[in-house]
Amino acid sequence: MKSAWKNFVGSEDGFLLSSEALLIATIAILGLLVGLVAIRDAVVNELGDFSQAIGLLNQSYNFPGVSDLTATTWGGLLNDTLDVNDSQNGVDANGISVTLPVASPEPTP
């Protein structure tokens, strides 16, 4: 396996000039960079969506009290409200601005 790899790397049978190899390698590297930038942008967008979803979770709860002949407990509740920096759209987390698309109203016939 190692000898086949060494033959492959050391062989220049398919190239007319070493400048062709350099040109092909340059184009391949540029293509990889463009692809990696697109992947980075998609990952940042998905993480921004995920952070918005976590930030907008409603953690409110309510439970009633229980009463018996010998004991009584009071119920409890917590109303989760928006924090100071929370909003429904355009949450800016560490410089990452994510905007949600605005739904257009359906035309009425």
Protein backbone atom coordinates (compact mmCIF):
# COMPACT_ATOMS: atom_id res chain seq x y z
CA MET A 1 0.00 0.00 0.00
CA LYS A 2 2.84 2.40 0.88
CA SER A 3 4.66 1.67 -2.35
CA ALA A 4 1.50 2.32 -4.38
CA TRP A 5 1.07 5.68 -2.61
CA LYS A 6 4.72 6.60 -3.22
CA ASN A 7 4.32 5.69 -6.89
CA PHE A 8 1.17 7.79 -7.12
CA VAL A 9 2.74 10.83 -5.44
CA GLY A 10 6.06 10.61 -7.28
CA SER A 11 4.58 9.94 -10.70
CA GLU A 12 4.14 12.82 -13.14
CA ASP A 13 3.06 10.73 -16.11
CA GLY A 14 -0.25 12.53 -16.58
CA PHE A 15 1.11 16.07 -16.46
CA LEU A 16 2.79 17.80 -19.35
CA LEU A 17 4.31 20.49 -17.17
CA SER A 18 4.62 20.93 -13.43
CA SER A 19 2.80 24.24 -13.89
CA GLU A 20 -0.32 22.23 -14.77
CA ALA A 21 -0.07 20.43 -11.47
CA LEU A 22 0.32 23.75 -9.67
CA LEU A 23 -2.70 25.22 -11.47
CA ILE A 24 -4.89 22.21 -10.71
CA ALA A 25 -3.82 22.24 -7.03
CA THR A 26 -4.55 25.98 -6.78
CA ILE A 27 -8.02 25.57 -8.28
CA ALA A 28 -8.73 22.63 -5.96
CA ILE A 29 -7.66 24.58 -2.88
CA LEU A 30 -9.77 27.59 -3.86
CA GLY A 31 -12.75 25.31 -4.39
CA LEU A 32 -12.23 23.78 -0.95
CA LEU A 33 -12.05 27.22 0.66
CA VAL A 34 -15.31 28.29 -0.95
CA GLY A 35 -16.95 25.06 0.20
CA LEU A 36 -15.68 25.48 3.76
CA VAL A 37 -16.97 29.06 3.90
CA ALA A 38 -20.41 27.86 2.79
CA ILE A 39 -20.35 25.15 5.47
CA ARG A 40 -19.28 27.69 8.10
CA ASP A 41 -22.12 30.04 7.18
CA ALA A 42 -24.68 27.22 7.30
CA VAL A 43 -23.45 26.03 10.71
CA VAL A 44 -23.52 29.57 12.14
CA ASN A 45 -27.06 30.04 10.82
CA GLU A 46 -28.25 26.76 12.35
CA LEU A 47 -26.60 27.54 15.69
CA GLY A 48 -28.25 30.96 15.67
CA ASP A 49 -31.65 29.34 15.06
CA PHE A 50 -30.96 26.87 17.87
CA SER A 51 -29.98 29.65 20.29
CA GLN A 52 -33.18 31.52 19.46
CA ALA A 53 -35.23 28.39 20.09
CA ILE A 54 -33.58 27.82 23.47
CA GLY A 55 -33.93 31.49 24.41
CA LEU A 56 -37.65 31.55 23.60
CA LEU A 57 -38.56 28.42 25.57
CA ASN A 58 -41.37 29.14 27.98
CA GLN A 59 -40.49 27.60 31.35
CA SER A 60 -43.63 28.66 33.17
CA TYR A 61 -45.22 26.17 35.51
CA ASN A 62 -48.19 25.98 37.85
CA PHE A 63 -49.34 23.34 40.30
CA PRO A 64 -52.32 23.48 42.63
CA GLY A 65 -52.22 23.03 46.38
CA VAL A 66 -53.23 19.79 48.05
CA SER A 67 -55.50 19.66 51.05
CA ASP A 68 -56.16 16.69 53.34
CA LEU A 69 -57.72 16.25 56.78
CA THR A 70 -54.35 16.59 58.50
CA ALA A 71 -52.23 18.75 56.21
CA THR A 72 -52.43 21.43 53.57
CA THR A 73 -49.85 22.55 51.04
CA TRP A 74 -49.99 25.62 48.96
CA GLY A 75 -49.56 25.48 45.24
CA GLY A 76 -46.84 27.19 43.30
CA LEU A 77 -46.35 28.97 40.03
CA LEU A 78 -43.72 30.71 37.98
CA ASN A 79 -44.49 32.91 35.03
CA ASP A 80 -41.53 33.02 32.66
CA THR A 81 -41.36 36.45 31.07
CA LEU A 82 -39.00 37.82 28.44
CA ASP A 83 -35.62 38.80 29.77
CA VAL A 84 -34.09 42.20 29.11
CA ASN A 85 -32.27 41.17 25.93
CA ASP A 86 -34.85 38.72 24.60
CA SER A 87 -36.95 39.53 21.56
CA GLN A 88 -38.99 37.56 19.07
CA ASN A 89 -36.84 38.38 16.05
CA GLY A 90 -33.29 39.47 15.35
CA VAL A 91 -31.67 38.16 18.53
CA ASP A 92 -28.07 39.31 18.50
CA ALA A 93 -25.87 36.76 20.26
CA ASN A 94 -22.20 37.74 20.35
CA GLY A 95 -22.37 39.61 17.06
CA ILE A 96 -24.39 36.95 15.22
CA SER A 97 -27.55 38.54 13.93
CA VAL A 98 -30.25 36.08 12.88
CA THR A 99 -33.41 37.30 11.21
CA LEU A 100 -36.53 35.26 10.70
CA PRO A 101 -38.36 35.51 7.39
CA VAL A 102 -41.58 37.47 7.51
CA ALA A 103 -44.58 35.44 6.41
CA SER A 104 -46.56 37.19 3.73
CA PRO A 105 -50.33 37.22 4.25
CA GLU A 106 -52.41 34.98 2.07
CA PRO A 107 -54.38 36.88 -0.58
CA THR A 108 -58.11 36.88 0.01
CA PRO A 109 -60.25 35.81 -2.95
